[in-house]
C-alpha atoms as a PDB file:
ATOM      1  CA  MET A   1      -0.101   0.037  -0.221  1.00  0.00           C
ATOM      2  CA  THR A   2       1.439   3.402  -0.925  1.00  0.00           C
ATOM      3  CA  SER A   3       1.387   6.411   1.340  1.00  0.00           C
ATOM      4  CA  LYS A   4      -1.316   8.100  -0.932  1.00  0.00           C
ATOM      5  CA  ASP A   5      -3.700   5.136  -0.491  1.00  0.00           C
ATOM      6  CA  ALA A   6      -2.917   5.069   3.381  1.00  0.00           C
ATOM      7  CA  LEU A   7      -3.951   8.651   3.508  1.00  0.00           C
ATOM      8  CA  SER A   8      -7.175   8.037   1.391  1.00  0.00           C
ATOM      9  CA  ILE A   9      -8.380   5.539   3.797  1.00  0.00           C
ATOM     10  CA  GLY A  10      -9.034   7.712   6.730  1.00  0.00           C
ATOM     11  CA  THR A  11     -10.463   6.717  10.071  1.00  0.00           C
ATOM     12  CA  ASP A  12     -13.262   7.170  12.511  1.00  0.00           C
ATOM     13  CA  VAL A  13     -11.166  10.269  14.216  1.00  0.00           C
ATOM     14  CA  LYS A  14      -9.300  11.558  11.151  1.00  0.00           C
ATOM     15  CA  PRO A  15     -10.788  12.410   7.591  1.00  0.00           C
ATOM     16  CA  LEU A  16      -9.043  11.150   4.454  1.00  0.00           C
ATOM     17  CA  VAL A  17      -6.709  13.614   2.677  1.00  0.00           C
ATOM     18  CA  LEU A  18      -7.755  15.298  -0.590  1.00  0.00           C
ATOM     19  CA  PHE A  19      -5.740  14.750  -3.710  1.00  0.00           C
ATOM     20  CA  LYS A  20      -5.901  16.634  -6.967  1.00  0.00           C
ATOM     21  CA  GLY A  21      -8.378  14.898  -9.466  1.00  0.00           C
ATOM     22  CA  GLU A  22     -10.201  13.301  -6.785  1.00  0.00           C
ATOM     23  CA  TYR A  23     -12.309  16.306  -5.332  1.00  0.00           C
ATOM     24  CA  GLU A  24     -15.714  14.441  -6.098  1.00  0.00           C
ATOM     25  CA  GLN A  25     -14.836  11.155  -4.106  1.00  0.00           C
ATOM     26  CA  TRP A  26     -13.253  13.073  -1.417  1.00  0.00           C
ATOM     27  CA  LYS A  27     -16.085  15.454  -0.672  1.00  0.00           C
ATOM     28  CA  ASP A  28     -18.763  12.545  -0.410  1.00  0.00           C
ATOM     29  CA  ARG A  29     -16.489  10.708   1.972  1.00  0.00           C
ATOM     30  CA  PHE A  30     -15.430  13.853   3.799  1.00  0.00           C
ATOM     31  CA  LEU A  31     -19.066  14.967   4.537  1.00  0.00           C
ATOM     32  CA  ASP A  32     -20.094  11.233   5.388  1.00  0.00           C
ATOM     33  CA  PHE A  33     -17.312  11.528   8.127  1.00  0.00           C
ATOM     34  CA  ILE A  34     -18.686  14.854   9.469  1.00  0.00           C
ATOM     35  CA  ASP A  35     -22.073  13.398   9.547  1.00  0.00           C
ATOM     36  CA  ARG A  36     -20.951  10.471  11.703  1.00  0.00           C
ATOM     37  CA  HIS A  37     -18.884  12.792  14.007  1.00  0.00           C
ATOM     38  CA  ALA A  38     -20.342  13.542  17.678  1.00  0.00           C
ATOM     39  CA  ASN A  39     -20.977  16.979  16.875  1.00  0.00           C
ATOM     40  CA  GLY A  40     -21.613  16.395  13.325  1.00  0.00           C
ATOM     41  CA  GLU A  41     -24.676  18.228  12.733  1.00  0.00           C
ATOM     42  CA  ASN A  42     -23.205  21.552  14.141  1.00  0.00           C
ATOM     43  CA  ILE A  43     -20.097  21.079  12.191  1.00  0.00           C
ATOM     44  CA  MET A  44     -21.836  20.474   9.055  1.00  0.00           C
ATOM     45  CA  LEU A  45     -23.959  23.603   9.435  1.00  0.00           C
ATOM     46  CA  SER A  46     -20.975  25.722  10.160  1.00  0.00           C
ATOM     47  CA  ILE A  47     -19.395  24.425   6.741  1.00  0.00           C
ATOM     48  CA  ILE A  48     -22.605  24.742   4.600  1.00  0.00           C
ATOM     49  CA  GLU A  49     -24.046  27.862   6.128  1.00  0.00           C
ATOM     50  CA  GLY A  50     -21.217  29.584   8.250  1.00  0.00           C
ATOM     51  CA  PRO A  51     -20.462  29.949  11.863  1.00  0.00           C
ATOM     52  CA  MET A  52     -23.333  29.761  14.208  1.00  0.00           C
ATOM     53  CA  VAL A  53     -23.391  32.122  17.358  1.00  0.00           C
ATOM     54  CA  PRO A  54     -25.927  33.143  19.940  1.00  0.00           C
ATOM     55  CA  ILE A  55     -28.238  35.758  18.624  1.00  0.00           C
ATOM     56  CA  THR A  56     -27.389  37.655  21.596  1.00  0.00           C
ATOM     57  CA  VAL A  57     -23.823  38.211  20.352  1.00  0.00           C
ATOM     58  CA  GLN A  58     -22.825  40.732  17.488  1.00  0.00           C
ATOM     59  CA  ILE A  59     -20.501  39.138  15.259  1.00  0.00           C
ATOM     60  CA  PRO A  60     -17.543  41.332  14.296  1.00  0.00           C
ATOM     61  CA  ASP A  61     -16.685  42.074  10.702  1.00  0.00           C
ATOM     62  CA  ASP A  62     -13.223  40.101  10.932  1.00  0.00           C
ATOM     63  CA  ASP A  63     -15.337  36.834  12.147  1.00  0.00           C
ATOM     64  CA  SER A  64     -13.019  36.694  15.044  1.00  0.00           C
ATOM     65  CA  SER A  65     -15.454  35.452  17.308  1.00  0.00           C
ATOM     66  CA  ASP A  66     -16.258  32.054  15.522  1.00  0.00           C
ATOM     67  CA  SER A  67     -18.115  29.443  17.404  1.00  0.00           C
ATOM     68  CA  GLU A  68     -16.523  26.298  18.817  1.00  0.00           C
ATOM     69  CA  ASP A  69     -18.396  24.325  16.086  1.00  0.00           C
ATOM     70  CA  ASP A  70     -16.673  26.389  13.312  1.00  0.00           C
ATOM     71  CA  LYS A  71     -13.175  25.890  14.870  1.00  0.00           C
ATOM     72  CA  GLN A  72     -13.785  22.091  14.937  1.00  0.00           C
ATOM     73  CA  ALA A  73     -15.059  22.194  11.127  1.00  0.00           C
ATOM     74  CA  SER A  74     -11.923  24.404   9.992  1.00  0.00           C
ATOM     75  CA  SER A  75      -9.815  22.010  11.864  1.00  0.00           C
ATOM     76  CA  LEU A  76     -11.023  18.856  10.244  1.00  0.00           C
ATOM     77  CA  LEU A  77     -10.715  20.735   6.728  1.00  0.00           C
ATOM     78  CA  ILE A  78      -7.101  21.629   7.236  1.00  0.00           C
ATOM     79  CA  GLN A  79      -6.241  18.062   8.611  1.00  0.00           C
ATOM     80  CA  SER A  80      -7.785  16.646   5.076  1.00  0.00           C
ATOM     81  CA  ILE A  81      -5.871  19.128   2.773  1.00  0.00           C
ATOM     82  CA  PRO A  82      -2.330  18.750   1.842  1.00  0.00           C
ATOM     83  CA  ASN A  83       0.056  21.834   1.811  1.00  0.00           C
ATOM     84  CA  ASP A  84       0.123  22.317  -1.984  1.00  0.00           C
ATOM     85  CA  ILE A  85      -3.532  23.027  -1.879  1.00  0.00           C
ATOM     86  CA  TYR A  86      -3.762  24.416   1.518  1.00  0.00           C
ATOM     87  CA  ILE A  87      -1.181  27.260   0.509  1.00  0.00           C
ATOM     88  CA  LYS A  88      -3.588  28.419  -1.859  1.00  0.00           C
ATOM     89  CA  ILE A  89      -6.595  28.889   0.297  1.00  0.00           C
ATOM     90  CA  ASP A  90      -4.735  29.967   3.398  1.00  0.00           C
ATOM     91  CA  SER A  91      -5.912  33.454   3.178  1.00  0.00           C
ATOM     92  CA  TYR A  92      -9.606  32.355   3.301  1.00  0.00           C
ATOM     93  CA  LYS A  93      -9.350  30.300   6.553  1.00  0.00           C
ATOM     94  CA  GLY A  94     -11.422  32.954   8.529  1.00  0.00           C
ATOM     95  CA  ASN A  95     -14.087  30.368   8.728  1.00  0.00           C
ATOM     96  CA  ALA A  96     -14.724  26.674   7.793  1.00  0.00           C
ATOM     97  CA  LYS A  97     -17.324  28.006   5.124  1.00  0.00           C
ATOM     98  CA  LYS A  98     -15.103  30.349   3.373  1.00  0.00           C
ATOM     99  CA  MET A  99     -12.508  27.598   3.128  1.00  0.00           C
ATOM    100  CA  TRP A 100     -14.869  25.080   1.836  1.00  0.00           C
ATOM    101  CA  ASP A 101     -16.373  27.478  -0.738  1.00  0.00           C
ATOM    102  CA  GLN A 102     -12.878  28.593  -1.897  1.00  0.00           C
ATOM    103  CA  LEU A 103     -11.867  24.740  -2.016  1.00  0.00           C
ATOM    104  CA  GLN A 104     -14.726  23.825  -4.183  1.00  0.00           C
ATOM    105  CA  LYS A 105     -14.230  26.782  -6.582  1.00  0.00           C
ATOM    106  CA  MET A 106     -10.507  25.934  -7.031  1.00  0.00           C
ATOM    107  CA  MET A 107     -11.070  22.032  -7.308  1.00  0.00           C
ATOM    108  CA  MET A 108     -13.920  22.170  -9.675  1.00  0.00           C
ATOM    109  CA  GLY A 109     -12.533  24.863 -11.918  1.00  0.00           C
ATOM    110  CA  SER A 110     -14.200  27.277 -14.294  1.00  0.00           C
ATOM    111  CA  LYS A 111     -17.362  26.498 -16.545  1.00  0.00           C
ATOM    112  CA  VAL A 112     -15.315  26.061 -19.494  1.00  0.00           C
ATOM    113  CA  GLY A 113     -12.958  23.630 -17.794  1.00  0.00           C
ATOM    114  CA  ASN A 114     -16.269  21.886 -16.475  1.00  0.00           C
ATOM    115  CA  GLN A 115     -17.430  21.702 -20.088  1.00  0.00           C
ATOM    116  CA  MET A 116     -14.495  20.076 -21.380  1.00  0.00           C
ATOM    117  CA  LYS A 117     -14.430  17.826 -18.725  1.00  0.00           C
ATOM    118  CA  VAL A 118     -17.881  16.518 -19.379  1.00  0.00           C
ATOM    119  CA  ALA A 119     -17.117  16.544 -23.291  1.00  0.00           C
ATOM    120  CA  ASN A 120     -14.172  14.282 -22.566  1.00  0.00           C
ATOM    121  CA  CYS A 121     -16.269  11.966 -20.385  1.00  0.00           C
ATOM    122  CA  ILE A 122     -18.825  11.564 -23.046  1.00  0.00           C
ATOM    123  CA  ASN A 123     -16.277  10.994 -25.766  1.00  0.00           C
ATOM    124  CA  SER A 124     -14.575   8.435 -23.758  1.00  0.00           C
ATOM    125  CA  TYR A 125     -17.978   6.687 -23.335  1.00  0.00           C
ATOM    126  CA  GLU A 126     -18.793   6.564 -26.859  1.00  0.00           C
ATOM    127  CA  GLU A 127     -15.129   5.261 -27.628  1.00  0.00           C
ATOM    128  CA  PHE A 128     -14.832   2.807 -24.994  1.00  0.00           C
ATOM    129  CA  LYS A 129     -14.145  -0.984 -25.837  1.00  0.00           C
ATOM    130  CA  ALA A 130     -12.546  -3.806 -24.201  1.00  0.00           C
ATOM    131  CA  LYS A 131      -8.782  -4.414 -24.710  1.00  0.00           C
ATOM    132  CA  GLU A 132      -7.410  -7.432 -26.508  1.00  0.00           C
ATOM    133  CA  ASN A 133      -7.013 -10.469 -24.076  1.00  0.00           C
ATOM    134  CA  GLU A 134      -8.522  -8.333 -21.323  1.00  0.00           C
ATOM    135  CA  SER A 135     -10.371 -10.278 -18.614  1.00  0.00           C
ATOM    136  CA  LEU A 136     -14.162  -9.719 -18.227  1.00  0.00           C
ATOM    137  CA  GLU A 137     -13.606  -8.322 -14.813  1.00  0.00           C
ATOM    138  CA  ASP A 138     -11.200  -5.652 -15.697  1.00  0.00           C
ATOM    139  CA  THR A 139     -13.242  -4.379 -18.773  1.00  0.00           C
ATOM    140  CA  TYR A 140     -16.258  -4.307 -16.232  1.00  0.00           C
ATOM    141  CA  GLU A 141     -14.447  -2.443 -13.626  1.00  0.00           C
ATOM    142  CA  ARG A 142     -12.958   0.130 -16.274  1.00  0.00           C
ATOM    143  CA  PHE A 143     -16.583   0.786 -17.470  1.00  0.00           C
ATOM    144  CA  VAL A 144     -18.007   1.355 -14.105  1.00  0.00           C
ATOM    145  CA  LEU A 145     -15.283   3.765 -13.192  1.00  0.00           C
ATOM    146  CA  LEU A 146     -16.236   5.693 -16.508  1.00  0.00           C
ATOM    147  CA  LEU A 147     -20.057   5.542 -15.506  1.00  0.00           C
ATOM    148  CA  ASN A 148     -19.105   6.963 -12.363  1.00  0.00           C
ATOM    149  CA  GLU A 149     -17.103   9.782 -13.798  1.00  0.00           C
ATOM    150  CA  LEU A 150     -20.286  10.430 -16.083  1.00  0.00           C
ATOM    151  CA  SER A 151     -22.333  10.714 -12.911  1.00  0.00           C
ATOM    152  CA  LYS A 152     -20.184  12.889 -11.029  1.00  0.00           C
ATOM    153  CA  ASN A 153     -20.406  15.534 -13.989  1.00  0.00           C
ATOM    154  CA  LYS A 154     -24.110  15.063 -14.149  1.00  0.00           C
ATOM    155  CA  VAL A 155     -24.373  13.070 -16.981  1.00  0.00           C
ATOM    156  CA  LYS A 156     -26.949  10.598 -16.986  1.00  0.00           C
ATOM    157  CA  LYS A 157     -27.415   7.441 -18.841  1.00  0.00           C
ATOM    158  CA  LYS A 158     -30.357   5.033 -18.979  1.00  0.00           C
ATOM    159  CA  GLN A 159     -30.110   1.489 -17.663  1.00  0.00           C
ATOM    160  CA  LEU A 160     -30.777  -0.071 -21.058  1.00  0.00           C
ATOM    161  CA  GLU A 161     -28.091   2.102 -22.764  1.00  0.00           C
ATOM    162  CA  ASN A 162     -25.489   1.260 -20.307  1.00  0.00           C
ATOM    163  CA  ASN A 163     -26.450  -2.708 -20.404  1.00  0.00           C
ATOM    164  CA  ILE A 164     -26.428  -2.552 -24.310  1.00  0.00           C
ATOM    165  CA  LYS A 165     -23.159  -0.602 -24.499  1.00  0.00           C
ATOM    166  CA  PHE A 166     -21.315  -2.872 -22.053  1.00  0.00           C
ATOM    167  CA  LEU A 167     -22.465  -5.929 -24.334  1.00  0.00           C
ATOM    168  CA  SER A 168     -21.299  -4.376 -27.372  1.00  0.00           C
ATOM    169  CA  ILE A 169     -17.673  -3.393 -26.185  1.00  0.00           C
ATOM    170  CA  LEU A 170     -16.427  -6.963 -25.511  1.00  0.00           C
ATOM    171  CA  GLN A 171     -14.214  -8.915 -27.753  1.00  0.00           C
ATOM    172  CA  PRO A 172     -15.548 -11.428 -30.614  1.00  0.00           C
ATOM    173  CA  GLU A 173     -15.170 -14.313 -28.481  1.00  0.00           C
ATOM    174  CA  TRP A 174     -18.164 -13.152 -26.130  1.00  0.00           C
ATOM    175  CA  LYS A 175     -20.331 -12.540 -29.229  1.00  0.00           C
ATOM    176  CA  LYS A 176     -22.192 -15.710 -28.868  1.00  0.00           C
ATOM    177  CA  HIS A 177     -23.123 -15.180 -25.135  1.00  0.00           C
ATOM    178  CA  THR A 178     -23.920 -11.421 -25.688  1.00  0.00           C
ATOM    179  CA  ARG A 179     -26.240 -12.231 -28.366  1.00  0.00           C
ATOM    180  CA  ARG A 180     -27.953 -14.706 -26.176  1.00  0.00           C
ATOM    181  CA  MET A 181     -28.283 -12.178 -23.402  1.00  0.00           C
ATOM    182  CA  LYS A 182     -30.081  -9.699 -25.774  1.00  0.00           C
ATOM    183  CA  GLN A 183     -32.361 -12.338 -26.754  1.00  0.00           C
ATOM    184  CA  MET A 184     -33.220 -14.002 -23.483  1.00  0.00           C
ATOM    185  CA  LYS A 185     -33.064 -10.879 -20.989  1.00  0.00           C
ATOM    186  CA  ASP A 186     -35.153  -7.699 -20.761  1.00  0.00           C
ATOM    187  CA  LEU A 187     -32.281  -5.237 -20.364  1.00  0.00           C
ATOM    188  CA  ASN A 188     -34.304  -2.455 -19.335  1.00  0.00           C
ATOM    189  CA  ASP A 189     -34.714  -3.748 -15.604  1.00  0.00           C
ATOM    190  CA  ILE A 190     -31.498  -5.790 -15.168  1.00  0.00           C
ATOM    191  CA  PRO A 191     -28.734  -3.750 -13.278  1.00  0.00           C
ATOM    192  CA  LEU A 192     -25.353  -3.791 -15.035  1.00  0.00           C
ATOM    193  CA  HIS A 193     -23.638  -6.069 -12.276  1.00  0.00           C
ATOM    194  CA  GLU A 194     -26.055  -8.698 -13.070  1.00  0.00           C
ATOM    195  CA  VAL A 195     -25.263  -8.649 -16.763  1.00  0.00           C
ATOM    196  CA  TYR A 196     -21.653  -8.972 -15.692  1.00  0.00           C
ATOM    197  CA  GLU A 197     -22.284 -11.881 -13.475  1.00  0.00           C
ATOM    198  CA  THR A 198     -24.356 -13.783 -16.020  1.00  0.00           C
ATOM    199  CA  LEU A 199     -21.458 -13.390 -18.558  1.00  0.00           C
ATOM    200  CA  ARG A 200     -18.810 -14.588 -16.133  1.00  0.00           C
ATOM    201  CA  GLN A 201     -20.419 -18.114 -16.018  1.00  0.00           C
ATOM    202  CA  ASN A 202     -19.023 -18.416 -19.756  1.00  0.00           C
ATOM    203  CA  GLU A 203     -15.489 -16.959 -19.034  1.00  0.00           C
ATOM    204  CA  GLU A 204     -13.781 -20.511 -19.064  1.00  0.00           C
ATOM    205  CA  GLU A 205     -15.275 -21.221 -22.562  1.00  0.00           C
ATOM    206  CA  VAL A 206     -14.188 -17.679 -23.942  1.00  0.00           C
ATOM    207  CA  GLU A 207     -10.618 -18.194 -22.443  1.00  0.00           C
ATOM    208  CA  GLU A 208     -10.308 -21.732 -24.236  1.00  0.00           C
ATOM    209  CA  LYS A 209     -11.355 -20.007 -27.431  1.00  0.00           C
ATOM    210  CA  ARG A 210      -8.701 -17.369 -26.979  1.00  0.00           C
ATOM    211  CA  ALA A 211      -5.840 -20.075 -26.189  1.00  0.00           C
ATOM    212  CA  GLU A 212      -6.834 -22.043 -29.487  1.00  0.00           C
ATOM    213  CA  LYS A 213      -6.779 -18.802 -31.372  1.00  0.00           C
ATOM    214  CA  LYS A 214      -3.145 -17.983 -30.083  1.00  0.00           C
ATOM    215  CA  LYS A 215      -2.166 -21.562 -31.368  1.00  0.00           C
ATOM    216  CA  VAL A 216      -3.543 -20.744 -34.634  1.00  0.00           C
ATOM    217  CA  GLU A 217      -1.779 -17.569 -34.973  1.00  0.00           C
ATOM    218  CA  LYS A 218       1.441 -19.346 -33.920  1.00  0.00           C
ATOM    219  CA  VAL A 219       1.357 -21.750 -36.995  1.00  0.00           C
ATOM    220  CA  PRO A 220       3.028 -20.263 -39.899  1.00  0.00           C
ATOM    221  CA  ASP A 221       0.743 -19.319 -42.924  1.00  0.00           C
ATOM    222  CA  PRO A 222       2.267 -21.075 -46.046  1.00  0.00           C
ATOM    223  CA  ILE A 223       0.879 -18.301 -48.286  1.00  0.00           C
ATOM    224  CA  ALA A 224       2.363 -15.653 -46.006  1.00  0.00           C
ATOM    225  CA  LEU A 225       5.603 -17.356 -46.123  1.00  0.00           C
ATOM    226  CA  VAL A 226       5.614 -17.709 -50.045  1.00  0.00           C
ATOM    227  CA  ALA A 227       4.751 -13.925 -50.095  1.00  0.00           C
ATOM    228  CA  GLY A 228       7.595 -13.166 -47.498  1.00  0.00           C
ATOM    229  CA  GLU A 229       9.935 -14.949 -49.730  1.00  0.00           C
ATOM    230  CA  LYS A 230       9.001 -13.281 -52.973  1.00  0.00           C
ATOM    231  CA  LYS A 231       9.318  -9.906 -51.200  1.00  0.00           C
ATOM    232  CA  LYS A 232      12.798 -10.981 -49.869  1.00  0.00           C
ATOM    233  CA  GLU A 233      13.829 -12.231 -53.647  1.00  0.00           C
ATOM    234  CA  LYS A 234      12.555  -8.722 -54.772  1.00  0.00           C
ATOM    235  CA  LYS A 235      14.620  -7.012 -52.234  1.00  0.00           C
ATOM    236  CA  GLU A 236      18.020  -8.993 -53.193  1.00  0.00           C
ATOM    237  CA  LYS A 237      17.377  -8.310 -56.944  1.00  0.00           C
ATOM    238  CA  LYS A 238      17.259  -4.496 -56.324  1.00  0.00           C
ATOM    239  CA  LYS A 239      20.255  -4.535 -54.277  1.00  0.00           C
ATOM    240  CA  LYS A 240      22.032  -6.556 -57.115  1.00  0.00           C
ATOM    241  CA  LYS A 241      20.994  -4.308 -59.701  1.00  0.00           C
ATOM    242  CA  LYS A 242      22.244  -1.478 -57.535  1.00  0.00           C
ATOM    243  CA  VAL A 243      25.672  -3.376 -57.136  1.00  0.00           C
ATOM    244  CA  ILE A 244      25.774  -3.841 -60.734  1.00  0.00           C
ATOM    245  CA  THR A 245      24.902  -0.149 -61.613  1.00  0.00           C
ATOM    246  CA  SER A 246      27.656   1.089 -59.308  1.00  0.00           C
ATOM    247  CA  SER A 247      30.121  -1.536 -60.615  1.00  0.00           C
ATOM    248  CA  GLU A 248      29.147  -0.132 -64.254  1.00  0.00           C
ATOM    249  CA  SER A 249      29.765   3.407 -63.304  1.00  0.00           C
ATOM    250  CA  GLU A 250      32.877   2.528 -61.665  1.00  0.00           C
ATOM    251  CA  SER A 251      34.137   0.481 -64.742  1.00  0.00           C
ATOM    252  CA  GLU A 252      33.165   3.302 -66.893  1.00  0.00           C
ATOM    253  CA  SER A 253      35.053   5.661 -64.841  1.00  0.00           C
ATOM    254  CA  GLU A 254      37.869   3.238 -64.981  1.00  0.00           C
ATOM    255  CA  SER A 255      37.710   2.854 -68.791  1.00  0.00           C
ATOM    256  CA  GLU A 256      37.623   6.485 -69.021  1.00  0.00           C
ATOM    257  CA  SER A 257      40.766   6.898 -67.071  1.00  0.00           C
ATOM    258  CA  ASP A 258      42.357   3.914 -69.081  1.00  0.00           C
ATOM    259  CA  GLY A 259      41.419   5.354 -72.275  1.00  0.00           C
ATOM    260  CA  ASP A 260      43.209   8.527 -71.292  1.00  0.00           C
ATOM    261  CA  ASP A 261      46.098   6.601 -70.380  1.00  0.00           C
ATOM    262  CA  GLY A 262      46.103   4.519 -73.628  1.00  0.00           C
ATOM    263  CA  GLU A 263      45.889   7.679 -75.611  1.00  0.00           C
ATOM    264  CA  SER A 264      49.172   9.048 -73.899  1.00  0.00           C
ATOM    265  CA  LEU A 265      50.861   5.846 -74.671  1.00  0.00           C
ATOM    266  CA  LYS A 266      49.928   5.881 -78.286  1.00  0.00           C
ATOM    267  CA  GLN A 267      51.214   9.285 -78.736  1.00  0.00           C
ATOM    268  CA  ALA A 268      54.562   8.295 -76.939  1.00  0.00           C
ATOM    269  CA  MET A 269      54.832   5.150 -79.219  1.00  0.00           C
ATOM    270  CA  LEU A 270      54.126   7.217 -82.203  1.00  0.00           C
ATOM    271  CA  LEU A 271      56.774   9.760 -81.570  1.00  0.00           C
ATOM    272  CA  LEU A 272      59.339   6.933 -80.616  1.00  0.00           C
ATOM    273  CA  THR A 273      58.598   5.195 -83.940  1.00  0.00           C
ATOM    274  CA  ARG A 274      58.929   8.421 -86.008  1.00  0.00           C
ATOM    275  CA  ALA A 275      62.594   8.863 -84.382  1.00  0.00           C
ATOM    276  CA  PHE A 276      63.541   5.199 -84.665  1.00  0.00           C
ATOM    277  CA  GLN A 277      62.349   5.264 -88.628  1.00  0.00           C
ATOM    278  CA  LYS A 278      64.044   8.633 -89.225  1.00  0.00           C
ATOM    279  CA  LYS A 279      67.381   7.189 -87.872  1.00  0.00           C
ATOM    280  CA  PHE A 280      66.845   3.656 -89.581  1.00  0.00           C
ATOM    281  CA  TYR A 281      66.035   5.241 -93.078  1.00  0.00           C
ATOM    282  CA  LYS A 282      69.163   7.417 -92.639  1.00  0.00           C
ATOM    283  CA  LYS A 283      71.455   4.586 -92.005  1.00  0.00           C
ATOM    284  CA  SER A 284      69.980   2.376 -94.781  1.00  0.00           C
ATOM    285  CA  GLY A 285      70.528   5.486 -97.152  1.00  0.00           C
ATOM    286  CA  SER A 286      74.127   5.493 -96.657  1.00  0.00           C
ATOM    287  CA  ASN A 287      74.795   1.995 -97.063  1.00  0.00           C
ATOM    288  CA  SER A 288      72.506   1.647-100.182  1.00  0.00           C
ATOM    289  CA  GLN A 289      74.855   4.657-101.505  1.00  0.00           C
ATOM    290  CA  ARG A 290      78.095   2.693-100.673  1.00  0.00           C
ATOM    291  CA  TYR A 291      76.376  -0.501-102.392  1.00  0.00           C
ATOM    292  CA  SER A 292      75.640   1.385-105.630  1.00  0.00           C
ATOM    293  CA  SER A 293      79.406   2.949-105.767  1.00  0.00           C
ATOM    294  CA  SER A 294      81.082  -0.351-105.238  1.00  0.00           C
ATOM    295  CA  SER A 295      78.782  -1.767-107.908  1.00  0.00           C
ATOM    296  CA  SER A 296      79.455   0.831-110.424  1.00  0.00           C
ATOM    297  CA  LYS A 297      83.320   0.349-109.811  1.00  0.00           C
ATOM    298  CA  ASN A 298      82.730  -3.527-110.379  1.00  0.00           C
ATOM    299  CA  HIS A 299      80.743  -2.869-113.423  1.00  0.00           C
ATOM    300  CA  GLU A 300      83.473  -0.760-114.979  1.00  0.00           C
ATOM    301  CA  HIS A 301      86.190  -3.050-114.246  1.00  0.00           C
ATOM    302  CA  ARG A 302      84.207  -5.978-115.977  1.00  0.00           C
ATOM    303  CA  GLU A 303      83.752  -3.693-118.987  1.00  0.00           C
ATOM    304  CA  ARG A 304      87.544  -3.064-119.385  1.00  0.00           C
ATOM    305  CA  VAL A 305      88.242  -6.829-118.937  1.00  0.00           C
ATOM    306  CA  GLU A 306      85.802  -7.611-121.623  1.00  0.00           C
ATOM    307  CA  GLY A 307      87.014  -4.860-123.654  1.00  0.00           C
ATOM    308  CA  ARG A 308      90.622  -6.385-123.473  1.00  0.00           C
ATOM    309  CA  ARG A 309      89.432  -9.825-124.227  1.00  0.00           C
ATOM    310  CA  TYR A 310      87.751  -8.671-127.256  1.00  0.00           C
ATOM    311  CA  GLU A 311      90.815  -6.703-128.559  1.00  0.00           C
ATOM    312  CA  GLU A 312      92.789  -9.894-127.999  1.00  0.00           C
ATOM    313  CA  ASN A 313      90.468 -12.089-129.865  1.00  0.00           C
ATOM    314  CA  ARG A 314      90.387  -9.642-132.968  1.00  0.00           C
ATOM    315  CA  TYR A 315      94.067  -9.528-132.938  1.00  0.00           C
ATOM    316  CA  VAL A 316      94.328 -13.443-133.254  1.00  0.00           C
ATOM    317  CA  GLU A 317      91.813 -13.211-136.229  1.00  0.00           C
ATOM    318  CA  LYS A 318      93.827 -11.265-138.089  1.00  0.00           C
ATOM    319  CA  LYS A 319      97.081 -13.013-137.728  1.00  0.00           C
ATOM    320  CA  PRO A 320      96.126 -16.825-137.999  1.00  0.00           C
ATOM    321  CA  ASP A 321      99.470 -18.471-137.742  1.00  0.00           C
ATOM    322  CA  ASP A 322     100.381 -16.196-134.729  1.00  0.00           C
ATOM    323  CA  ARG A 323      97.036 -17.404-133.160  1.00  0.00           C
ATOM    324  CA  LYS A 324      98.088 -21.097-133.453  1.00  0.00           C
ATOM    325  CA  LYS A 325     101.435 -20.261-131.990  1.00  0.00           C
ATOM    326  CA  TYR A 326      99.845 -18.444-129.350  1.00  0.00           C
ATOM    327  CA  VAL A 327      97.401 -21.060-128.612  1.00  0.00           C
ATOM    328  CA  ASN A 328     100.135 -23.678-128.385  1.00  0.00           C
ATOM    329  CA  ASP A 329     101.997 -21.619-125.902  1.00  0.00           C
END
C-alpha cells in the first residue's frame, strides 16, 4: 500500500486526505465523516452555512468570534488538505465556510473547464471498448469507473443504454453469449452488475477459445511465407541491380581513365617510332649509296676486262699463224 492509499482511507477520528483529481470522491467521503462525528450536525452547518453564534452576540466584521463548532469544522478541513492545496486557500481560513467555498471553486474549475471535462467523459464513453485479451472483470471495472465519472459530471445514462453498451464493447469471443443475453433478457430492468455476473459464467469457454486462437496464430501461414520469400527475392534483386549499376559506373570511370592513359601511350609510341624510322632510313640510305658506288666500280672493271679480251680475240683473227702459236704456247 502506498502512502497515498493510506491517507485516502481515513479513520473514525481523522478524515481522508484530498488529492488533485479526486475532489468529488473526497467531498462525499468527507461529508460522510462529518455526519458520523459526535458533533456532526453543528459542524456540517458551519461548513455549509457559516459559523453559528448566539443571537445576542454581535458578530464582528473580521469573524474573530467564530463558534467552537466552526473551529472544529476548520480544523477537520485543514487536516484533510495537503500543503500544496492549503497554501492556495490559506487567506480564506477565516471560517470553515469560506475555506469550503474556496476549495470547491478551486477544485471544480471554471465553467469552460467543466464543459471540457464533461465532453471528454462523453467521448470516452462513446469510444470505450474492451482491450485485446483483457479479462471480463477488468473490462467491467473500467466501464463502471467511467459511468461513475459521468454521474459526477451530471451526465445521466439509462440502464438499457449502459447494458447494451457493455455487451457491445466485449471482444469477438463473447459474441455468442452477448447475443444470447440480448435475446433472453429484458435489459431495461437488469442492473449492469447482473449482466456482468451472467456473462462471467461463460468465461472459461471464452478463455479456451482465446487459447486456440493463439495456437492458430503461432502456426506459420504458407501463403504468407511464400509472399515473404517473394518480397525477399525482390529486395535481393534490387540490391544486385544497385551493385551492378555502381560497378558499371566504376568500370566506366576506370575505362575513361584507361582510355586517357592509352591515348598518351599511343602518342609516345608514335613519337618513338618516328624517331626510330628517321634514324633507320638515314643509315640504310648511306649503306645503299656505298653499295651502289662499289657496284658501279665492279661494272667498270668488268667492262675493261671484256674490252681487253675482245681486242685480243680480234688480234688473233688477223694473224692466223700467230694465233696457233699463241694457242700452243
